[in-house]
Amino acid sequence: MENCCSTWQVEFSYQVGDLLYAPEVQALHNFPHHHRASRYDHALLVAQLSFRVARTFGLDCRATARCSLLHDLYSGCKDSSSPFFFLRHAWTHPKRALKNAQTLTYLTGKEQNIIASHMWPMCKALPKSREAWLVNVVDSFVAVIDVLGWNHMILRSKP
């Protein structure tokens, strides 16, 4: 009999299961992100890819997966018609996501930095760990995938 999930999917679900079904995270389904994906789909794909890379290179898989899932945990965007919206958004949304993530779960200093620095160099916080650098790079990569509309081709909706 063949298993329905690979080993990484089982491990991933174990690491993020409590967060994945939290109402605050599920609410991300309601927000479009990068035009062709929901904010939930974006965060889930960043979390899945970051987790797999972290696992491959012996990094902190738990911190990487959880913080990747929570890195865009904020509600709507204010005044998206402003010409400087993107710059202001890049500067402020990591702080809002961090504050919201801290209401859901305890975060170590490293985990706080992963979320706060995921938009570097657009935001002030500098990534201070290999996990923070990883999430920063994977988030940018997935943003391109989202814009191109390829998210659904890569995303494993059932972790």
N, C-alpha and C. Protein backbone atom coordinates (compact mmCIF):
# COMPACT_ATOMS: atom_id res chain seq x y z
N MET A 1 0.83 -1.18 0.00
CA MET A 1 0.00 0.00 0.00
C MET A 1 0.88 1.25 0.00
N GLU A 2 0.58 2.19 -0.84
CA GLU A 2 1.39 3.40 -1.00
C GLU A 2 0.92 4.50 -0.05
N ASN A 3 1.89 5.19 0.56
CA ASN A 3 1.56 6.31 1.44
C ASN A 3 1.10 7.51 0.63
N CYS A 4 0.21 8.30 1.21
CA CYS A 4 -0.29 9.48 0.52
C CYS A 4 0.62 10.68 0.71
N CYS A 5 1.49 10.63 1.69
CA CYS A 5 2.35 11.78 1.99
C CYS A 5 3.80 11.33 2.07
N SER A 6 4.68 12.20 1.59
CA SER A 6 6.11 11.91 1.71
C SER A 6 6.57 12.23 3.12
N THR A 7 7.77 11.81 3.45
CA THR A 7 8.32 12.03 4.78
C THR A 7 8.38 13.51 5.13
N TRP A 8 8.80 14.33 4.17
CA TRP A 8 8.91 15.77 4.48
C TRP A 8 7.54 16.37 4.78
N GLN A 9 6.50 15.88 4.10
CA GLN A 9 5.16 16.42 4.35
C GLN A 9 4.66 16.07 5.75
N VAL A 10 4.95 14.87 6.19
CA VAL A 10 4.56 14.46 7.54
C VAL A 10 5.31 15.31 8.56
N GLU A 11 6.61 15.47 8.37
CA GLU A 11 7.42 16.30 9.28
C GLU A 11 6.95 17.75 9.27
N PHE A 12 6.66 18.26 8.09
CA PHE A 12 6.18 19.64 7.96
C PHE A 12 4.88 19.82 8.72
N SER A 13 3.94 18.91 8.54
CA SER A 13 2.65 18.99 9.24
C SER A 13 2.84 18.93 10.75
N TYR A 14 3.78 18.13 11.20
CA TYR A 14 4.05 18.04 12.63
C TYR A 14 4.56 19.38 13.17
N GLN A 15 5.39 20.07 12.40
CA GLN A 15 5.98 21.33 12.84
C GLN A 15 4.99 22.49 12.82
N VAL A 16 4.08 22.52 11.86
CA VAL A 16 3.20 23.70 11.69
C VAL A 16 1.72 23.40 11.91
N GLY A 17 1.38 22.17 12.24
CA GLY A 17 -0.03 21.77 12.33
C GLY A 17 -0.87 22.65 13.23
N ASP A 18 -0.33 23.05 14.38
CA ASP A 18 -1.10 23.89 15.30
C ASP A 18 -1.37 25.27 14.71
N LEU A 19 -0.47 25.75 13.87
CA LEU A 19 -0.64 27.08 13.27
C LEU A 19 -1.47 27.03 11.99
N LEU A 20 -1.32 25.96 11.25
CA LEU A 20 -1.94 25.85 9.93
C LEU A 20 -3.45 26.05 9.96
N TYR A 21 -4.08 25.56 11.00
CA TYR A 21 -5.53 25.65 11.08
C TYR A 21 -6.03 26.72 12.05
N ALA A 22 -5.12 27.56 12.52
CA ALA A 22 -5.52 28.68 13.38
C ALA A 22 -6.39 29.63 12.55
N PRO A 23 -7.45 30.17 13.12
CA PRO A 23 -8.33 31.07 12.36
C PRO A 23 -7.59 32.26 11.74
N GLU A 24 -6.60 32.77 12.43
CA GLU A 24 -5.84 33.91 11.90
C GLU A 24 -5.07 33.54 10.64
N VAL A 25 -4.53 32.33 10.61
CA VAL A 25 -3.80 31.87 9.42
C VAL A 25 -4.79 31.51 8.32
N GLN A 26 -5.87 30.85 8.66
CA GLN A 26 -6.88 30.50 7.66
C GLN A 26 -7.49 31.75 7.02
N ALA A 27 -7.57 32.84 7.77
CA ALA A 27 -8.12 34.09 7.24
C ALA A 27 -7.28 34.64 6.09
N LEU A 28 -6.02 34.20 5.98
CA LEU A 28 -5.16 34.67 4.89
C LEU A 28 -5.67 34.22 3.52
N HIS A 29 -6.57 33.23 3.50
CA HIS A 29 -7.22 32.82 2.24
C HIS A 29 -7.98 33.98 1.61
N ASN A 30 -8.42 34.92 2.43
CA ASN A 30 -9.28 36.02 1.98
C ASN A 30 -8.53 37.21 1.39
N PHE A 31 -7.20 37.17 1.41
CA PHE A 31 -6.43 38.30 0.92
C PHE A 31 -5.62 37.91 -0.32
N PRO A 32 -5.84 38.62 -1.42
CA PRO A 32 -5.01 38.34 -2.61
C PRO A 32 -3.57 38.78 -2.35
N HIS A 33 -2.65 38.10 -3.00
CA HIS A 33 -1.23 38.38 -2.78
C HIS A 33 -0.50 38.25 -4.11
N HIS A 34 0.21 39.25 -4.50
CA HIS A 34 0.96 39.25 -5.75
C HIS A 34 0.06 38.90 -6.95
N HIS A 35 -1.15 39.34 -6.90
CA HIS A 35 -2.12 39.31 -7.99
C HIS A 35 -2.72 37.95 -8.35
N ARG A 36 -1.99 36.85 -8.18
CA ARG A 36 -2.50 35.57 -8.67
C ARG A 36 -2.59 34.48 -7.60
N ALA A 37 -2.32 34.82 -6.38
CA ALA A 37 -2.37 33.83 -5.29
C ALA A 37 -3.01 34.47 -4.07
N SER A 38 -3.47 33.65 -3.16
CA SER A 38 -3.93 34.20 -1.88
C SER A 38 -2.71 34.33 -0.97
N ARG A 39 -2.84 35.15 0.05
CA ARG A 39 -1.73 35.31 0.98
C ARG A 39 -1.46 33.97 1.69
N TYR A 40 -2.50 33.17 1.91
CA TYR A 40 -2.33 31.85 2.51
C TYR A 40 -1.49 30.95 1.60
N ASP A 41 -1.86 30.88 0.31
CA ASP A 41 -1.11 30.04 -0.62
C ASP A 41 0.36 30.48 -0.71
N HIS A 42 0.58 31.80 -0.72
CA HIS A 42 1.94 32.33 -0.76
C HIS A 42 2.71 31.88 0.48
N ALA A 43 2.15 32.10 1.66
CA ALA A 43 2.84 31.76 2.90
C ALA A 43 3.08 30.25 3.01
N LEU A 44 2.10 29.46 2.59
CA LEU A 44 2.25 28.01 2.66
C LEU A 44 3.37 27.53 1.73
N LEU A 45 3.44 28.07 0.54
CA LEU A 45 4.50 27.66 -0.38
C LEU A 45 5.87 28.11 0.13
N VAL A 46 5.97 29.32 0.66
CA VAL A 46 7.24 29.77 1.26
C VAL A 46 7.62 28.81 2.39
N ALA A 47 6.65 28.45 3.22
CA ALA A 47 6.93 27.55 4.35
C ALA A 47 7.37 26.17 3.86
N GLN A 48 6.69 25.62 2.87
CA GLN A 48 7.04 24.29 2.37
C GLN A 48 8.43 24.27 1.74
N LEU A 49 8.72 25.23 0.89
CA LEU A 49 10.03 25.26 0.23
C LEU A 49 11.15 25.55 1.23
N SER A 50 10.93 26.51 2.13
CA SER A 50 11.94 26.84 3.13
C SER A 50 12.22 25.64 4.04
N PHE A 51 11.16 24.96 4.43
CA PHE A 51 11.30 23.78 5.29
C PHE A 51 12.15 22.72 4.59
N ARG A 52 11.87 22.47 3.33
CA ARG A 52 12.62 21.42 2.61
C ARG A 52 14.09 21.77 2.46
N VAL A 53 14.38 23.05 2.19
CA VAL A 53 15.78 23.47 2.07
C VAL A 53 16.46 23.39 3.44
N ALA A 54 15.79 23.87 4.48
CA ALA A 54 16.35 23.83 5.83
C ALA A 54 16.64 22.38 6.24
N ARG A 55 15.73 21.50 5.93
CA ARG A 55 15.88 20.08 6.25
C ARG A 55 17.08 19.48 5.52
N THR A 56 17.24 19.85 4.27
CA THR A 56 18.34 19.34 3.45
C THR A 56 19.70 19.77 4.00
N PHE A 57 19.78 21.01 4.48
CA PHE A 57 21.06 21.56 4.93
C PHE A 57 21.25 21.54 6.45
N GLY A 58 20.37 20.86 7.17
CA GLY A 58 20.54 20.70 8.60
C GLY A 58 20.30 21.97 9.41
N LEU A 59 19.45 22.85 8.90
CA LEU A 59 19.11 24.06 9.62
C LEU A 59 17.93 23.80 10.56
N ASP A 60 17.52 24.81 11.29
CA ASP A 60 16.41 24.70 12.23
C ASP A 60 15.09 24.64 11.44
N CYS A 61 14.63 23.44 11.16
CA CYS A 61 13.44 23.23 10.33
C CYS A 61 12.18 23.78 10.98
N ARG A 62 12.07 23.61 12.28
CA ARG A 62 10.88 24.07 13.00
C ARG A 62 10.75 25.59 12.90
N ALA A 63 11.79 26.31 13.24
CA ALA A 63 11.75 27.77 13.18
C ALA A 63 11.51 28.25 11.76
N THR A 64 12.15 27.61 10.82
CA THR A 64 12.00 27.99 9.41
C THR A 64 10.57 27.80 8.94
N ALA A 65 10.00 26.64 9.20
CA ALA A 65 8.64 26.35 8.73
C ALA A 65 7.62 27.26 9.39
N ARG A 66 7.69 27.40 10.70
CA ARG A 66 6.70 28.18 11.44
C ARG A 66 6.78 29.67 11.07
N CYS A 67 7.97 30.20 11.01
CA CYS A 67 8.12 31.62 10.69
C CYS A 67 7.78 31.91 9.24
N SER A 68 8.08 30.99 8.36
CA SER A 68 7.69 31.16 6.96
C SER A 68 6.18 31.23 6.82
N LEU A 69 5.50 30.38 7.56
CA LEU A 69 4.04 30.36 7.51
C LEU A 69 3.45 31.66 8.06
N LEU A 70 4.12 32.26 9.04
CA LEU A 70 3.61 33.45 9.70
C LEU A 70 4.18 34.77 9.16
N HIS A 71 5.07 34.71 8.18
CA HIS A 71 5.78 35.92 7.76
C HIS A 71 4.90 37.01 7.16
N ASP A 72 3.75 36.68 6.65
CA ASP A 72 2.81 37.67 6.09
C ASP A 72 1.48 37.67 6.84
N LEU A 73 1.53 37.47 8.15
CA LEU A 73 0.33 37.40 8.98
C LEU A 73 -0.12 38.81 9.38
N TYR A 74 -0.78 39.47 8.46
CA TYR A 74 -1.34 40.79 8.72
C TYR A 74 -2.63 40.89 7.92
N SER A 75 -3.50 41.80 8.31
CA SER A 75 -4.77 41.92 7.58
C SER A 75 -4.56 42.77 6.34
N GLY A 76 -5.50 43.58 5.95
CA GLY A 76 -5.44 44.29 4.68
C GLY A 76 -4.29 45.26 4.52
N CYS A 77 -4.27 45.90 3.39
CA CYS A 77 -3.27 46.92 3.08
C CYS A 77 -3.97 48.26 3.01
N LYS A 78 -3.39 49.26 3.62
CA LYS A 78 -4.00 50.59 3.62
C LYS A 78 -3.47 51.42 2.45
N ASP A 79 -4.37 52.11 1.80
CA ASP A 79 -4.03 53.08 0.76
C ASP A 79 -3.08 52.53 -0.31
N SER A 80 -3.49 51.44 -0.96
CA SER A 80 -2.65 50.83 -1.99
C SER A 80 -2.59 51.66 -3.26
N SER A 81 -3.33 52.77 -3.32
CA SER A 81 -3.29 53.63 -4.50
C SER A 81 -2.15 54.64 -4.43
N SER A 82 -1.53 54.78 -3.28
CA SER A 82 -0.44 55.73 -3.11
C SER A 82 0.75 55.31 -3.96
N PRO A 83 1.45 56.28 -4.57
CA PRO A 83 2.61 55.92 -5.39
C PRO A 83 3.75 55.31 -4.57
N PHE A 84 3.77 55.56 -3.28
CA PHE A 84 4.83 55.01 -2.43
C PHE A 84 4.34 53.83 -1.60
N PHE A 85 3.20 53.26 -2.01
CA PHE A 85 2.60 52.17 -1.25
C PHE A 85 3.57 51.00 -1.05
N PHE A 86 4.22 50.55 -2.11
CA PHE A 86 5.08 49.38 -2.01
C PHE A 86 6.21 49.61 -1.00
N LEU A 87 6.83 50.76 -1.06
CA LEU A 87 7.94 51.04 -0.14
C LEU A 87 7.45 51.08 1.31
N ARG A 88 6.34 51.75 1.54
CA ARG A 88 5.79 51.84 2.89
C ARG A 88 5.35 50.45 3.36
N HIS A 89 4.72 49.70 2.46
CA HIS A 89 4.26 48.35 2.79
C HIS A 89 5.44 47.44 3.13
N ALA A 90 6.49 47.47 2.34
CA ALA A 90 7.68 46.65 2.58
C ALA A 90 8.32 46.99 3.92
N TRP A 91 8.22 48.25 4.30
CA TRP A 91 8.82 48.71 5.54
C TRP A 91 7.99 48.30 6.76
N THR A 92 6.66 48.33 6.63
CA THR A 92 5.81 48.15 7.82
C THR A 92 5.21 46.75 7.99
N HIS A 93 4.95 46.03 6.92
CA HIS A 93 4.22 44.78 7.13
C HIS A 93 5.00 43.71 7.88
N PRO A 94 6.33 43.65 7.81
CA PRO A 94 7.02 42.66 8.65
C PRO A 94 6.80 42.92 10.15
N LYS A 95 6.75 44.18 10.54
CA LYS A 95 6.51 44.52 11.95
C LYS A 95 5.10 44.10 12.37
N ARG A 96 4.12 44.35 11.49
CA ARG A 96 2.74 43.94 11.80
C ARG A 96 2.62 42.43 11.85
N ALA A 97 3.27 41.74 10.92
CA ALA A 97 3.23 40.27 10.91
C ALA A 97 3.86 39.70 12.18
N LEU A 98 4.97 40.28 12.60
CA LEU A 98 5.63 39.82 13.82
C LEU A 98 4.73 40.00 15.03
N LYS A 99 4.14 41.16 15.14
CA LYS A 99 3.24 41.44 16.27
C LYS A 99 2.07 40.44 16.29
N ASN A 100 1.49 40.19 15.13
CA ASN A 100 0.37 39.24 15.05
C ASN A 100 0.82 37.81 15.35
N ALA A 101 2.01 37.44 14.86
CA ALA A 101 2.53 36.09 15.11
C ALA A 101 2.76 35.87 16.60
N GLN A 102 3.20 36.92 17.29
CA GLN A 102 3.46 36.80 18.72
C GLN A 102 2.18 36.60 19.53
N THR A 103 1.04 36.96 18.96
CA THR A 103 -0.22 36.70 19.66
C THR A 103 -0.66 35.25 19.48
N LEU A 104 -0.11 34.56 18.48
CA LEU A 104 -0.47 33.16 18.22
C LEU A 104 0.43 32.17 18.93
N THR A 105 1.71 32.49 19.03
CA THR A 105 2.67 31.52 19.55
C THR A 105 3.88 32.24 20.12
N TYR A 106 4.59 31.55 20.99
CA TYR A 106 5.84 32.08 21.52
C TYR A 106 6.88 32.05 20.41
N LEU A 107 7.68 33.11 20.28
CA LEU A 107 8.74 33.18 19.29
C LEU A 107 10.06 33.50 19.97
N THR A 108 11.08 32.72 19.65
CA THR A 108 12.42 33.01 20.16
C THR A 108 12.95 34.26 19.46
N GLY A 109 14.08 34.76 19.91
CA GLY A 109 14.70 35.91 19.26
C GLY A 109 15.03 35.62 17.80
N LYS A 110 15.53 34.42 17.54
CA LYS A 110 15.84 34.04 16.15
C LYS A 110 14.57 34.02 15.30
N GLU A 111 13.49 33.48 15.84
CA GLU A 111 12.23 33.41 15.10
C GLU A 111 11.66 34.81 14.86
N GLN A 112 11.78 35.68 15.84
CA GLN A 112 11.33 37.06 15.65
C GLN A 112 12.10 37.72 14.51
N ASN A 113 13.41 37.47 14.46
CA ASN A 113 14.22 38.05 13.40
C ASN A 113 13.87 37.48 12.03
N ILE A 114 13.52 36.21 11.96
CA ILE A 114 13.14 35.61 10.67
C ILE A 114 11.95 36.36 10.08
N ILE A 115 10.95 36.62 10.91
CA ILE A 115 9.75 37.32 10.43
C ILE A 115 10.04 38.78 10.16
N ALA A 116 10.73 39.44 11.09
CA ALA A 116 10.99 40.89 10.97
C ALA A 116 11.89 41.23 9.78
N SER A 117 12.75 40.30 9.39
CA SER A 117 13.73 40.61 8.34
C SER A 117 13.39 40.01 6.98
N HIS A 118 12.22 39.42 6.82
CA HIS A 118 11.94 38.70 5.57
C HIS A 118 11.87 39.62 4.35
N MET A 119 11.76 40.92 4.55
CA MET A 119 11.73 41.86 3.42
C MET A 119 13.04 42.64 3.25
N TRP A 120 14.10 42.21 3.93
CA TRP A 120 15.37 42.90 3.79
C TRP A 120 15.84 42.80 2.34
N PRO A 121 16.35 43.83 1.71
CA PRO A 121 16.80 45.11 2.24
C PRO A 121 15.72 46.20 2.24
N MET A 122 14.49 45.86 1.89
CA MET A 122 13.42 46.86 1.86
C MET A 122 13.00 47.29 3.26
N CYS A 123 13.22 46.44 4.25
CA CYS A 123 12.90 46.81 5.63
C CYS A 123 14.20 46.98 6.40
N LYS A 124 14.09 47.51 7.59
CA LYS A 124 15.28 47.86 8.38
C LYS A 124 15.98 46.66 8.99
N ALA A 125 15.23 45.63 9.37
CA ALA A 125 15.80 44.49 10.08
C ALA A 125 16.69 43.65 9.15
N LEU A 126 17.89 43.38 9.61
CA LEU A 126 18.85 42.56 8.87
C LEU A 126 18.72 41.10 9.29
N PRO A 127 18.65 40.16 8.36
CA PRO A 127 18.62 38.74 8.74
C PRO A 127 19.88 38.38 9.53
N LYS A 128 19.70 37.70 10.67
CA LYS A 128 20.84 37.40 11.55
C LYS A 128 21.17 35.91 11.64
N SER A 129 20.43 35.08 10.94
CA SER A 129 20.70 33.63 10.97
C SER A 129 20.57 33.08 9.56
N ARG A 130 21.09 31.87 9.39
CA ARG A 130 20.95 31.23 8.07
C ARG A 130 19.48 31.00 7.75
N GLU A 131 18.67 30.71 8.76
CA GLU A 131 17.24 30.49 8.56
C GLU A 131 16.56 31.78 8.10
N ALA A 132 16.95 32.91 8.67
CA ALA A 132 16.37 34.20 8.26
C ALA A 132 16.76 34.54 6.82
N TRP A 133 18.01 34.28 6.46
CA TRP A 133 18.43 34.51 5.08
C TRP A 133 17.66 33.60 4.12
N LEU A 134 17.48 32.36 4.53
CA LEU A 134 16.75 31.39 3.71
C LEU A 134 15.32 31.86 3.45
N VAL A 135 14.61 32.26 4.49
CA VAL A 135 13.22 32.71 4.32
C VAL A 135 13.18 33.97 3.46
N ASN A 136 14.14 34.85 3.62
CA ASN A 136 14.22 36.07 2.81
C ASN A 136 14.33 35.72 1.33
N VAL A 137 15.20 34.81 1.00
CA VAL A 137 15.42 34.43 -0.41
C VAL A 137 14.23 33.65 -0.96
N VAL A 138 13.72 32.69 -0.21
CA VAL A 138 12.59 31.89 -0.68
C VAL A 138 11.34 32.75 -0.85
N ASP A 139 11.12 33.70 0.06
CA ASP A 139 9.97 34.60 -0.07
C ASP A 139 10.05 35.39 -1.38
N SER A 140 11.22 35.89 -1.71
CA SER A 140 11.38 36.63 -2.97
C SER A 140 11.14 35.73 -4.17
N PHE A 141 11.67 34.52 -4.12
CA PHE A 141 11.49 33.55 -5.20
C PHE A 141 10.00 33.22 -5.39
N VAL A 142 9.31 32.97 -4.29
CA VAL A 142 7.89 32.62 -4.37
C VAL A 142 7.06 33.81 -4.85
N ALA A 143 7.46 35.03 -4.51
CA ALA A 143 6.75 36.21 -5.00
C ALA A 143 6.77 36.24 -6.53
N VAL A 144 7.90 35.89 -7.12
CA VAL A 144 8.00 35.83 -8.58
C VAL A 144 7.09 34.71 -9.11
N ILE A 145 7.10 33.57 -8.46
CA ILE A 145 6.24 32.46 -8.86
C ILE A 145 4.76 32.87 -8.79
N ASP A 146 4.41 33.61 -7.73
CA ASP A 146 3.03 34.08 -7.57
C ASP A 146 2.64 35.00 -8.72
N VAL A 147 3.50 35.95 -9.03
CA VAL A 147 3.20 36.91 -10.10
C VAL A 147 3.03 36.21 -11.44
N LEU A 148 3.85 35.18 -11.68
CA LEU A 148 3.75 34.43 -12.93
C LEU A 148 2.57 33.47 -12.95
N GLY A 149 1.94 33.25 -11.80
CA GLY A 149 0.79 32.35 -11.74
C GLY A 149 1.17 30.89 -11.66
N TRP A 150 2.38 30.59 -11.24
CA TRP A 150 2.84 29.21 -11.18
C TRP A 150 2.70 28.59 -9.80
N ASN A 151 2.20 29.34 -8.83
CA ASN A 151 2.10 28.89 -7.45
C ASN A 151 1.37 27.55 -7.36
N HIS A 152 0.24 27.44 -8.03
CA HIS A 152 -0.58 26.22 -7.96
C HIS A 152 0.12 24.99 -8.51
N MET A 153 1.12 25.19 -9.38
CA MET A 153 1.83 24.07 -9.98
C MET A 153 2.84 23.46 -8.99
N ILE A 154 3.25 24.24 -7.99
CA ILE A 154 4.28 23.80 -7.05
C ILE A 154 3.71 23.47 -5.68
N LEU A 155 2.68 24.20 -5.27
CA LEU A 155 2.13 24.10 -3.92
C LEU A 155 1.56 22.72 -3.65
N ARG A 156 1.91 22.17 -2.50
CA ARG A 156 1.32 20.93 -2.03
C ARG A 156 0.24 21.32 -1.05
N SER A 157 -1.01 21.36 -1.49
CA SER A 157 -2.09 21.88 -0.67
C SER A 157 -2.37 21.01 0.56
N LYS A 158 -2.04 19.73 0.51
CA LYS A 158 -2.23 18.85 1.65
C LYS A 158 -0.87 18.51 2.23
N PRO A 159 -0.37 19.32 3.17
CA PRO A 159 0.98 19.07 3.70
C PRO A 159 1.09 17.78 4.48
